[in-house]
Amino acid sequence: MNPQTIFIAILGVTLLNGFVSPMVPLVFFMAPIWLPEFVPPTRIVLLYGTSLIVSVSTLMVSAVPAGIFERLTGRQETDQTSMFVWLGAAILLTLPGLI
């Protein structure tokens, strides 16, 4: 399995978390803070925006353990093991929404 295939799996897990995360209602109700004024505040726009915010946040937060792992092991390039650490962190962040 090459790193690109693992990254596609990471994206799939983070997109799933964007739909099932317990943070979705919180971000949804905070829409007046993050939604620009020129965007119509319809329900579908709010749901897509909320899902996108949670998904991207999951992608960024789950990358932190992989970065720490690379730093501690002295790796110069991202390899398959680092990508699996990233995938594992994304899965752990998605589990609360699936349970």
PDB file of N, CA and C in Angstrom:
ATOM      1  N   MET A   1       0.846  -1.171   0.000  1.00  0.00           N
ATOM      2  CA  MET A   1       0.000   0.000   0.000  1.00  0.00           C
ATOM      3  C   MET A   1       0.895   1.240   0.000  1.00  0.00           C
ATOM      4  N   ASN A   2       0.704   2.101  -0.980  1.00  0.00           N
ATOM      5  CA  ASN A   2       1.541   3.298  -1.037  1.00  0.00           C
ATOM      6  C   ASN A   2       0.911   4.438  -0.237  1.00  0.00           C
ATOM      7  N   PRO A   3       1.685   5.479   0.083  1.00  0.00           N
ATOM      8  CA  PRO A   3       1.163   6.575   0.903  1.00  0.00           C
ATOM      9  C   PRO A   3      -0.045   7.301   0.297  1.00  0.00           C
ATOM     10  N   GLN A   4      -0.138   7.348  -1.033  1.00  0.00           N
ATOM     11  CA  GLN A   4      -1.267   8.021  -1.655  1.00  0.00           C
ATOM     12  C   GLN A   4      -2.580   7.270  -1.379  1.00  0.00           C
ATOM     13  N   THR A   5      -2.533   5.962  -1.403  1.00  0.00           N
ATOM     14  CA  THR A   5      -3.721   5.161  -1.107  1.00  0.00           C
ATOM     15  C   THR A   5      -4.125   5.321   0.354  1.00  0.00           C
ATOM     16  N   ILE A   6      -3.153   5.362   1.239  1.00  0.00           N
ATOM     17  CA  ILE A   6      -3.455   5.560   2.655  1.00  0.00           C
ATOM     18  C   ILE A   6      -4.041   6.950   2.873  1.00  0.00           C
ATOM     19  N   PHE A   7      -3.552   7.962   2.140  1.00  0.00           N
ATOM     20  CA  PHE A   7      -4.085   9.305   2.275  1.00  0.00           C
ATOM     21  C   PHE A   7      -5.542   9.372   1.815  1.00  0.00           C
ATOM     22  N   ILE A   8      -5.890   8.633   0.785  1.00  0.00           N
ATOM     23  CA  ILE A   8      -7.289   8.577   0.350  1.00  0.00           C
ATOM     24  C   ILE A   8      -8.149   7.954   1.442  1.00  0.00           C
ATOM     25  N   ALA A   9      -7.634   6.942   2.123  1.00  0.00           N
ATOM     26  CA  ALA A   9      -8.367   6.352   3.246  1.00  0.00           C
ATOM     27  C   ALA A   9      -8.514   7.359   4.385  1.00  0.00           C
ATOM     28  N   ILE A  10      -7.478   8.156   4.638  1.00  0.00           N
ATOM     29  CA  ILE A  10      -7.549   9.194   5.675  1.00  0.00           C
ATOM     30  C   ILE A  10      -8.634  10.208   5.316  1.00  0.00           C
ATOM     31  N   LEU A  11      -8.679  10.620   4.056  1.00  0.00           N
ATOM     32  CA  LEU A  11      -9.707  11.563   3.628  1.00  0.00           C
ATOM     33  C   LEU A  11     -11.105  10.979   3.790  1.00  0.00           C
ATOM     34  N   GLY A  12     -11.266   9.696   3.481  1.00  0.00           N
ATOM     35  CA  GLY A  12     -12.570   9.054   3.657  1.00  0.00           C
ATOM     36  C   GLY A  12     -12.998   9.013   5.109  1.00  0.00           C
ATOM     37  N   VAL A  13     -12.058   8.702   5.993  1.00  0.00           N
ATOM     38  CA  VAL A  13     -12.380   8.653   7.426  1.00  0.00           C
ATOM     39  C   VAL A  13     -12.728  10.038   7.944  1.00  0.00           C
ATOM     40  N   THR A  14     -11.991  11.063   7.508  1.00  0.00           N
ATOM     41  CA  THR A  14     -12.289  12.409   7.986  1.00  0.00           C
ATOM     42  C   THR A  14     -13.620  12.916   7.432  1.00  0.00           C
ATOM     43  N   LEU A  15     -13.959  12.545   6.207  1.00  0.00           N
ATOM     44  CA  LEU A  15     -15.271  12.917   5.675  1.00  0.00           C
ATOM     45  C   LEU A  15     -16.385  12.227   6.448  1.00  0.00           C
ATOM     46  N   LEU A  16     -16.181  10.981   6.798  1.00  0.00           N
ATOM     47  CA  LEU A  16     -17.165  10.279   7.617  1.00  0.00           C
ATOM     48  C   LEU A  16     -17.332  10.987   8.953  1.00  0.00           C
ATOM     49  N   ASN A  17     -16.232  11.417   9.542  1.00  0.00           N
ATOM     50  CA  ASN A  17     -16.310  12.123  10.819  1.00  0.00           C
ATOM     51  C   ASN A  17     -17.057  13.450  10.675  1.00  0.00           C
ATOM     52  N   GLY A  18     -16.996  14.060   9.513  1.00  0.00           N
ATOM     53  CA  GLY A  18     -17.725  15.291   9.283  1.00  0.00           C
ATOM     54  C   GLY A  18     -19.229  15.115   9.350  1.00  0.00           C
ATOM     55  N   PHE A  19     -19.702  13.894   9.166  1.00  0.00           N
ATOM     56  CA  PHE A  19     -21.137  13.621   9.231  1.00  0.00           C
ATOM     57  C   PHE A  19     -21.582  13.072  10.580  1.00  0.00           C
ATOM     58  N   VAL A  20     -20.731  12.303  11.252  1.00  0.00           N
ATOM     59  CA  VAL A  20     -21.165  11.595  12.463  1.00  0.00           C
ATOM     60  C   VAL A  20     -20.574  12.148  13.754  1.00  0.00           C
ATOM     61  N   SER A  21     -19.732  13.143  13.676  1.00  0.00           N
ATOM     62  CA  SER A  21     -19.056  13.653  14.871  1.00  0.00           C
ATOM     63  C   SER A  21     -20.036  14.295  15.848  1.00  0.00           C
ATOM     64  N   PRO A  22     -19.794  14.121  17.144  1.00  0.00           N
ATOM     65  CA  PRO A  22     -20.617  14.829  18.129  1.00  0.00           C
ATOM     66  C   PRO A  22     -20.383  16.348  18.118  1.00  0.00           C
ATOM     67  N   MET A  23     -19.379  16.818  17.411  1.00  0.00           N
ATOM     68  CA  MET A  23     -19.098  18.252  17.315  1.00  0.00           C
ATOM     69  C   MET A  23     -19.961  18.949  16.261  1.00  0.00           C
ATOM     70  N   VAL A  24     -20.629  18.182  15.405  1.00  0.00           N
ATOM     71  CA  VAL A  24     -21.423  18.771  14.329  1.00  0.00           C
ATOM     72  C   VAL A  24     -22.514  19.702  14.865  1.00  0.00           C
ATOM     73  N   PRO A  25     -23.306  19.304  15.875  1.00  0.00           N
ATOM     74  CA  PRO A  25     -24.323  20.249  16.371  1.00  0.00           C
ATOM     75  C   PRO A  25     -23.732  21.531  16.954  1.00  0.00           C
ATOM     76  N   LEU A  26     -22.591  21.419  17.619  1.00  0.00           N
ATOM     77  CA  LEU A  26     -21.957  22.609  18.191  1.00  0.00           C
ATOM     78  C   LEU A  26     -21.523  23.575  17.102  1.00  0.00           C
ATOM     79  N   VAL A  27     -20.877  23.054  16.063  1.00  0.00           N
ATOM     80  CA  VAL A  27     -20.429  23.910  14.965  1.00  0.00           C
ATOM     81  C   VAL A  27     -21.633  24.469  14.210  1.00  0.00           C
ATOM     82  N   PHE A  28     -22.695  23.678  14.093  1.00  0.00           N
ATOM     83  CA  PHE A  28     -23.906  24.126  13.409  1.00  0.00           C
ATOM     84  C   PHE A  28     -24.508  25.338  14.120  1.00  0.00           C
ATOM     85  N   PHE A  29     -24.582  25.292  15.438  1.00  0.00           N
ATOM     86  CA  PHE A  29     -25.169  26.396  16.178  1.00  0.00           C
ATOM     87  C   PHE A  29     -24.247  27.604  16.285  1.00  0.00           C
ATOM     88  N   MET A  30     -22.977  27.420  15.952  1.00  0.00           N
ATOM     89  CA  MET A  30     -22.031  28.541  15.937  1.00  0.00           C
ATOM     90  C   MET A  30     -21.941  29.172  14.550  1.00  0.00           C
ATOM     91  N   ALA A  31     -22.885  28.880  13.680  1.00  0.00           N
ATOM     92  CA  ALA A  31     -22.856  29.381  12.305  1.00  0.00           C
ATOM     93  C   ALA A  31     -22.812  30.908  12.215  1.00  0.00           C
ATOM     94  N   PRO A  32     -23.467  31.655  13.086  1.00  0.00           N
ATOM     95  CA  PRO A  32     -23.339  33.113  12.956  1.00  0.00           C
ATOM     96  C   PRO A  32     -21.904  33.617  13.103  1.00  0.00           C
ATOM     97  N   ILE A  33     -21.048  32.823  13.705  1.00  0.00           N
ATOM     98  CA  ILE A  33     -19.652  33.228  13.884  1.00  0.00           C
ATOM     99  C   ILE A  33     -18.828  32.938  12.630  1.00  0.00           C
ATOM    100  N   TRP A  34     -19.010  31.762  12.023  1.00  0.00           N
ATOM    101  CA  TRP A  34     -18.153  31.358  10.916  1.00  0.00           C
ATOM    102  C   TRP A  34     -18.754  31.577   9.529  1.00  0.00           C
ATOM    103  N   LEU A  35     -20.038  31.810   9.417  1.00  0.00           N
ATOM    104  CA  LEU A  35     -20.676  31.961   8.113  1.00  0.00           C
ATOM    105  C   LEU A  35     -20.556  33.409   7.631  1.00  0.00           C
ATOM    106  N   PRO A  36     -20.002  33.622   6.423  1.00  0.00           N
ATOM    107  CA  PRO A  36     -19.908  34.993   5.903  1.00  0.00           C
ATOM    108  C   PRO A  36     -21.300  35.572   5.636  1.00  0.00           C
ATOM    109  N   GLU A  37     -21.404  36.872   5.663  1.00  0.00           N
ATOM    110  CA  GLU A  37     -22.697  37.526   5.493  1.00  0.00           C
ATOM    111  C   GLU A  37     -23.259  37.388   4.086  1.00  0.00           C
ATOM    112  N   PHE A  38     -22.387  37.233   3.081  1.00  0.00           N
ATOM    113  CA  PHE A  38     -22.882  37.155   1.707  1.00  0.00           C
ATOM    114  C   PHE A  38     -23.418  35.766   1.344  1.00  0.00           C
ATOM    115  N   VAL A  39     -23.252  34.786   2.218  1.00  0.00           N
ATOM    116  CA  VAL A  39     -23.755  33.440   1.971  1.00  0.00           C
ATOM    117  C   VAL A  39     -25.156  33.319   2.589  1.00  0.00           C
ATOM    118  N   PRO A  40     -26.125  32.830   1.817  1.00  0.00           N
ATOM    119  CA  PRO A  40     -27.469  32.693   2.393  1.00  0.00           C
ATOM    120  C   PRO A  40     -27.490  31.611   3.470  1.00  0.00           C
ATOM    121  N   PRO A  41     -28.031  31.916   4.636  1.00  0.00           N
ATOM    122  CA  PRO A  41     -28.007  30.936   5.734  1.00  0.00           C
ATOM    123  C   PRO A  41     -29.119  29.884   5.629  1.00  0.00           C
ATOM    124  N   THR A  42     -29.158  29.174   4.524  1.00  0.00           N
ATOM    125  CA  THR A  42     -30.131  28.100   4.385  1.00  0.00           C
ATOM    126  C   THR A  42     -29.637  26.868   5.133  1.00  0.00           C
ATOM    127  N   ARG A  43     -30.539  25.971   5.397  1.00  0.00           N
ATOM    128  CA  ARG A  43     -30.190  24.779   6.169  1.00  0.00           C
ATOM    129  C   ARG A  43     -29.138  23.929   5.456  1.00  0.00           C
ATOM    130  N   ILE A  44     -29.256  23.756   4.140  1.00  0.00           N
ATOM    131  CA  ILE A  44     -28.317  22.906   3.412  1.00  0.00           C
ATOM    132  C   ILE A  44     -26.915  23.534   3.398  1.00  0.00           C
ATOM    133  N   VAL A  45     -26.836  24.852   3.269  1.00  0.00           N
ATOM    134  CA  VAL A  45     -25.533  25.530   3.307  1.00  0.00           C
ATOM    135  C   VAL A  45     -24.900  25.353   4.681  1.00  0.00           C
ATOM    136  N   LEU A  46     -25.690  25.486   5.722  1.00  0.00           N
ATOM    137  CA  LEU A  46     -25.167  25.311   7.079  1.00  0.00           C
ATOM    138  C   LEU A  46     -24.697  23.876   7.314  1.00  0.00           C
ATOM    139  N   LEU A  47     -25.443  22.900   6.824  1.00  0.00           N
ATOM    140  CA  LEU A  47     -25.044  21.499   7.012  1.00  0.00           C
ATOM    141  C   LEU A  47     -23.760  21.166   6.247  1.00  0.00           C
ATOM    142  N   TYR A  48     -23.663  21.615   5.003  1.00  0.00           N
ATOM    143  CA  TYR A  48     -22.445  21.363   4.232  1.00  0.00           C
ATOM    144  C   TYR A  48     -21.240  22.083   4.844  1.00  0.00           C
ATOM    145  N   GLY A  49     -21.454  23.332   5.254  1.00  0.00           N
ATOM    146  CA  GLY A  49     -20.361  24.084   5.879  1.00  0.00           C
ATOM    147  C   GLY A  49     -19.905  23.458   7.179  1.00  0.00           C
ATOM    148  N   THR A  50     -20.865  23.024   7.986  1.00  0.00           N
ATOM    149  CA  THR A  50     -20.531  22.376   9.248  1.00  0.00           C
ATOM    150  C   THR A  50     -19.751  21.088   9.009  1.00  0.00           C
ATOM    151  N   SER A  51     -20.222  20.294   8.069  1.00  0.00           N
ATOM    152  CA  SER A  51     -19.528  19.037   7.750  1.00  0.00           C
ATOM    153  C   SER A  51     -18.117  19.303   7.254  1.00  0.00           C
ATOM    154  N   LEU A  52     -17.958  20.312   6.435  1.00  0.00           N
ATOM    155  CA  LEU A  52     -16.641  20.640   5.904  1.00  0.00           C
ATOM    156  C   LEU A  52     -15.696  21.121   7.002  1.00  0.00           C
ATOM    157  N   ILE A  53     -16.187  21.944   7.900  1.00  0.00           N
ATOM    158  CA  ILE A  53     -15.356  22.447   9.004  1.00  0.00           C
ATOM    159  C   ILE A  53     -14.898  21.297   9.896  1.00  0.00           C
ATOM    160  N   VAL A  54     -15.815  20.400  10.245  1.00  0.00           N
ATOM    161  CA  VAL A  54     -15.449  19.277  11.121  1.00  0.00           C
ATOM    162  C   VAL A  54     -14.486  18.334  10.405  1.00  0.00           C
ATOM    163  N   SER A  55     -14.707  18.093   9.118  1.00  0.00           N
ATOM    164  CA  SER A  55     -13.822  17.198   8.359  1.00  0.00           C
ATOM    165  C   SER A  55     -12.406  17.752   8.261  1.00  0.00           C
ATOM    166  N   VAL A  56     -12.284  19.015   7.919  1.00  0.00           N
ATOM    167  CA  VAL A  56     -10.960  19.618   7.784  1.00  0.00           C
ATOM    168  C   VAL A  56     -10.262  19.699   9.142  1.00  0.00           C
ATOM    169  N   SER A  57     -11.027  19.989  10.176  1.00  0.00           N
ATOM    170  CA  SER A  57     -10.439  20.024  11.523  1.00  0.00           C
ATOM    171  C   SER A  57      -9.924  18.646  11.927  1.00  0.00           C
ATOM    172  N   THR A  58     -10.680  17.610  11.606  1.00  0.00           N
ATOM    173  CA  THR A  58     -10.234  16.251  11.897  1.00  0.00           C
ATOM    174  C   THR A  58      -8.968  15.919  11.126  1.00  0.00           C
ATOM    175  N   LEU A  59      -8.905  16.334   9.869  1.00  0.00           N
ATOM    176  CA  LEU A  59      -7.725  16.082   9.049  1.00  0.00           C
ATOM    177  C   LEU A  59      -6.489  16.744   9.652  1.00  0.00           C
ATOM    178  N   MET A  60      -6.641  17.976  10.111  1.00  0.00           N
ATOM    179  CA  MET A  60      -5.495  18.700  10.663  1.00  0.00           C
ATOM    180  C   MET A  60      -5.090  18.171  12.034  1.00  0.00           C
ATOM    181  N   VAL A  61      -6.055  17.903  12.898  1.00  0.00           N
ATOM    182  CA  VAL A  61      -5.733  17.436  14.249  1.00  0.00           C
ATOM    183  C   VAL A  61      -5.139  16.032  14.211  1.00  0.00           C
ATOM    184  N   SER A  62      -5.628  15.193  13.311  1.00  0.00           N
ATOM    185  CA  SER A  62      -5.097  13.829  13.244  1.00  0.00           C
ATOM    186  C   SER A  62      -3.700  13.785  12.645  1.00  0.00           C
ATOM    187  N   ALA A  63      -3.261  14.851  11.995  1.00  0.00           N
ATOM    188  CA  ALA A  63      -1.903  14.894  11.450  1.00  0.00           C
ATOM    189  C   ALA A  63      -0.861  15.181  12.518  1.00  0.00           C
ATOM    190  N   VAL A  64      -1.272  15.722  13.647  1.00  0.00           N
ATOM    191  CA  VAL A  64      -0.322  16.079  14.705  1.00  0.00           C
ATOM    192  C   VAL A  64       0.425  14.858  15.245  1.00  0.00           C
ATOM    193  N   PRO A  65      -0.262  13.741  15.597  1.00  0.00           N
ATOM    194  CA  PRO A  65       0.502  12.573  16.073  1.00  0.00           C
ATOM    195  C   PRO A  65       1.472  12.026  15.029  1.00  0.00           C
ATOM    196  N   ALA A  66       1.092  12.097  13.763  1.00  0.00           N
ATOM    197  CA  ALA A  66       2.004  11.620  12.716  1.00  0.00           C
ATOM    198  C   ALA A  66       3.236  12.513  12.634  1.00  0.00           C
ATOM    199  N   GLY A  67       3.055  13.811  12.770  1.00  0.00           N
ATOM    200  CA  GLY A  67       4.198  14.727  12.770  1.00  0.00           C
ATOM    201  C   GLY A  67       5.105  14.515  13.961  1.00  0.00           C
ATOM    202  N   ILE A  68       4.495  14.300  15.115  1.00  0.00           N
ATOM    203  CA  ILE A  68       5.298  14.022  16.313  1.00  0.00           C
ATOM    204  C   ILE A  68       6.055  12.710  16.149  1.00  0.00           C
ATOM    205  N   PHE A  69       5.401  11.703  15.587  1.00  0.00           N
ATOM    206  CA  PHE A  69       6.051  10.418  15.341  1.00  0.00           C
ATOM    207  C   PHE A  69       7.249  10.578  14.404  1.00  0.00           C
ATOM    208  N   GLU A  70       7.074  11.352  13.330  1.00  0.00           N
ATOM    209  CA  GLU A  70       8.182  11.563  12.401  1.00  0.00           C
ATOM    210  C   GLU A  70       9.343  12.298  13.068  1.00  0.00           C
ATOM    211  N   ARG A  71       9.016  13.269  13.906  1.00  0.00           N
ATOM    212  CA  ARG A  71      10.058  14.031  14.585  1.00  0.00           C
ATOM    213  C   ARG A  71      10.828  13.165  15.574  1.00  0.00           C
ATOM    214  N   LEU A  72      10.101  12.343  16.346  1.00  0.00           N
ATOM    215  CA  LEU A  72      10.752  11.507  17.361  1.00  0.00           C
ATOM    216  C   LEU A  72      11.590  10.399  16.749  1.00  0.00           C
ATOM    217  N   THR A  73      11.194   9.894  15.599  1.00  0.00           N
ATOM    218  CA  THR A  73      11.957   8.817  14.965  1.00  0.00           C
ATOM    219  C   THR A  73      13.028   9.331  14.014  1.00  0.00           C
ATOM    220  N   GLY A  74      13.067  10.645  13.792  1.00  0.00           N
ATOM    221  CA  GLY A  74      14.110  11.226  12.954  1.00  0.00           C
ATOM    222  C   GLY A  74      13.927  10.967  11.473  1.00  0.00           C
ATOM    223  N   ARG A  75      12.716  10.746  11.033  1.00  0.00           N
ATOM    224  CA  ARG A  75      12.474  10.486   9.609  1.00  0.00           C
ATOM    225  C   ARG A  75      12.571  11.782   8.817  1.00  0.00           C
ATOM    226  N   GLN A  76      13.155  11.685   7.636  1.00  0.00           N
ATOM    227  CA  GLN A  76      13.295  12.843   6.766  1.00  0.00           C
ATOM    228  C   GLN A  76      12.126  12.980   5.795  1.00  0.00           C
ATOM    229  N   GLU A  77      11.452  11.870   5.508  1.00  0.00           N
ATOM    230  CA  GLU A  77      10.323  11.870   4.580  1.00  0.00           C
ATOM    231  C   GLU A  77       9.155  11.136   5.203  1.00  0.00           C
ATOM    232  N   THR A  78       7.960  11.470   4.737  1.00  0.00           N
ATOM    233  CA  THR A  78       6.773  10.766   5.188  1.00  0.00           C
ATOM    234  C   THR A  78       6.723   9.415   4.481  1.00  0.00           C
ATOM    235  N   ASP A  79       6.606   8.354   5.258  1.00  0.00           N
ATOM    236  CA  ASP A  79       6.555   7.024   4.673  1.00  0.00           C
ATOM    237  C   ASP A  79       5.252   6.336   5.071  1.00  0.00           C
ATOM    238  N   GLN A  80       5.170   5.064   4.758  1.00  0.00           N
ATOM    239  CA  GLN A  80       3.954   4.297   4.995  1.00  0.00           C
ATOM    240  C   GLN A  80       3.608   4.224   6.482  1.00  0.00           C
ATOM    241  N   THR A  81       4.591   4.078   7.332  1.00  0.00           N
ATOM    242  CA  THR A  81       4.336   3.987   8.771  1.00  0.00           C
ATOM    243  C   THR A  81       3.746   5.289   9.310  1.00  0.00           C
ATOM    244  N   SER A  82       4.282   6.407   8.874  1.00  0.00           N
ATOM    245  CA  SER A  82       3.749   7.701   9.306  1.00  0.00           C
ATOM    246  C   SER A  82       2.314   7.890   8.838  1.00  0.00           C
ATOM    247  N   MET A  83       2.026   7.439   7.633  1.00  0.00           N
ATOM    248  CA  MET A  83       0.666   7.569   7.117  1.00  0.00           C
ATOM    249  C   MET A  83      -0.304   6.683   7.899  1.00  0.00           C
ATOM    250  N   PHE A  84       0.166   5.516   8.336  1.00  0.00           N
ATOM    251  CA  PHE A  84      -0.697   4.656   9.158  1.00  0.00           C
ATOM    252  C   PHE A  84      -0.933   5.271  10.538  1.00  0.00           C
ATOM    253  N   VAL A  85       0.055   5.985  11.069  1.00  0.00           N
ATOM    254  CA  VAL A  85      -0.149   6.705  12.335  1.00  0.00           C
ATOM    255  C   VAL A  85      -1.213   7.779  12.135  1.00  0.00           C
ATOM    256  N   TRP A  86      -1.150   8.478  11.024  1.00  0.00           N
ATOM    257  CA  TRP A  86      -2.137   9.503  10.701  1.00  0.00           C
ATOM    258  C   TRP A  86      -3.529   8.892  10.548  1.00  0.00           C
ATOM    259  N   LEU A  87      -3.610   7.770   9.847  1.00  0.00           N
ATOM    260  CA  LEU A  87      -4.887   7.081   9.679  1.00  0.00           C
ATOM    261  C   LEU A  87      -5.441   6.602  11.012  1.00  0.00           C
ATOM    262  N   GLY A  88      -4.583   6.066  11.863  1.00  0.00           N
ATOM    263  CA  GLY A  88      -5.022   5.612  13.179  1.00  0.00           C
ATOM    264  C   GLY A  88      -5.556   6.754  14.028  1.00  0.00           C
ATOM    265  N   ALA A  89      -4.903   7.904  13.963  1.00  0.00           N
ATOM    266  CA  ALA A  89      -5.384   9.062  14.720  1.00  0.00           C
ATOM    267  C   ALA A  89      -6.727   9.539  14.185  1.00  0.00           C
ATOM    268  N   ALA A  90      -6.899   9.511  12.874  1.00  0.00           N
ATOM    269  CA  ALA A  90      -8.187   9.913  12.288  1.00  0.00           C
ATOM    270  C   ALA A  90      -9.296   8.946  12.692  1.00  0.00           C
ATOM    271  N   ILE A  91      -8.984   7.673  12.739  1.00  0.00           N
ATOM    272  CA  ILE A  91      -9.978   6.682  13.159  1.00  0.00           C
ATOM    273  C   ILE A  91     -10.343   6.885  14.627  1.00  0.00           C
ATOM    274  N   LEU A  92      -9.351   7.155  15.451  1.00  0.00           N
ATOM    275  CA  LEU A  92      -9.640   7.409  16.872  1.00  0.00           C
ATOM    276  C   LEU A  92     -10.518   8.642  17.073  1.00  0.00           C
ATOM    277  N   LEU A  93     -10.324   9.669  16.252  1.00  0.00           N
ATOM    278  CA  LEU A  93     -11.173  10.850  16.364  1.00  0.00           C
ATOM    279  C   LEU A  93     -12.593  10.595  15.826  1.00  0.00           C
ATOM    280  N   THR A  94     -12.748   9.612  14.968  1.00  0.00           N
ATOM    281  CA  THR A  94     -14.052   9.300  14.392  1.00  0.00           C
ATOM    282  C   THR A  94     -14.855   8.353  15.280  1.00  0.00           C
ATOM    283  N   LEU A  95     -14.194   7.584  16.109  1.00  0.00           N
ATOM    284  CA  LEU A  95     -14.885   6.585  16.938  1.00  0.00           C
ATOM    285  C   LEU A  95     -15.998   7.141  17.818  1.00  0.00           C
ATOM    286  N   PRO A  96     -15.849   8.302  18.470  1.00  0.00           N
ATOM    287  CA  PRO A  96     -16.964   8.776  19.314  1.00  0.00           C
ATOM    288  C   PRO A  96     -18.270   8.972  18.550  1.00  0.00           C
ATOM    289  N   GLY A  97     -18.201   9.325  17.291  1.00  0.00           N
ATOM    290  CA  GLY A  97     -19.405   9.497  16.489  1.00  0.00           C
ATOM    291  C   GLY A  97     -20.016   8.199  16.041  1.00  0.00           C
ATOM    292  N   LEU A  98     -19.225   7.146  15.998  1.00  0.00           N
ATOM    293  CA  LEU A  98     -19.724   5.845  15.552  1.00  0.00           C
ATOM    294  C   LEU A  98     -20.278   4.999  16.680  1.00  0.00           C
ATOM    295  N   ILE A  99     -19.926   5.341  17.899  1.00  0.00           N
ATOM    296  CA  ILE A  99     -20.381   4.529  19.053  1.00  0.00           C
ATOM    297  C   ILE A  99     -21.722   5.002  19.515  1.00  0.00           C
TER     298      ILE A  99
END
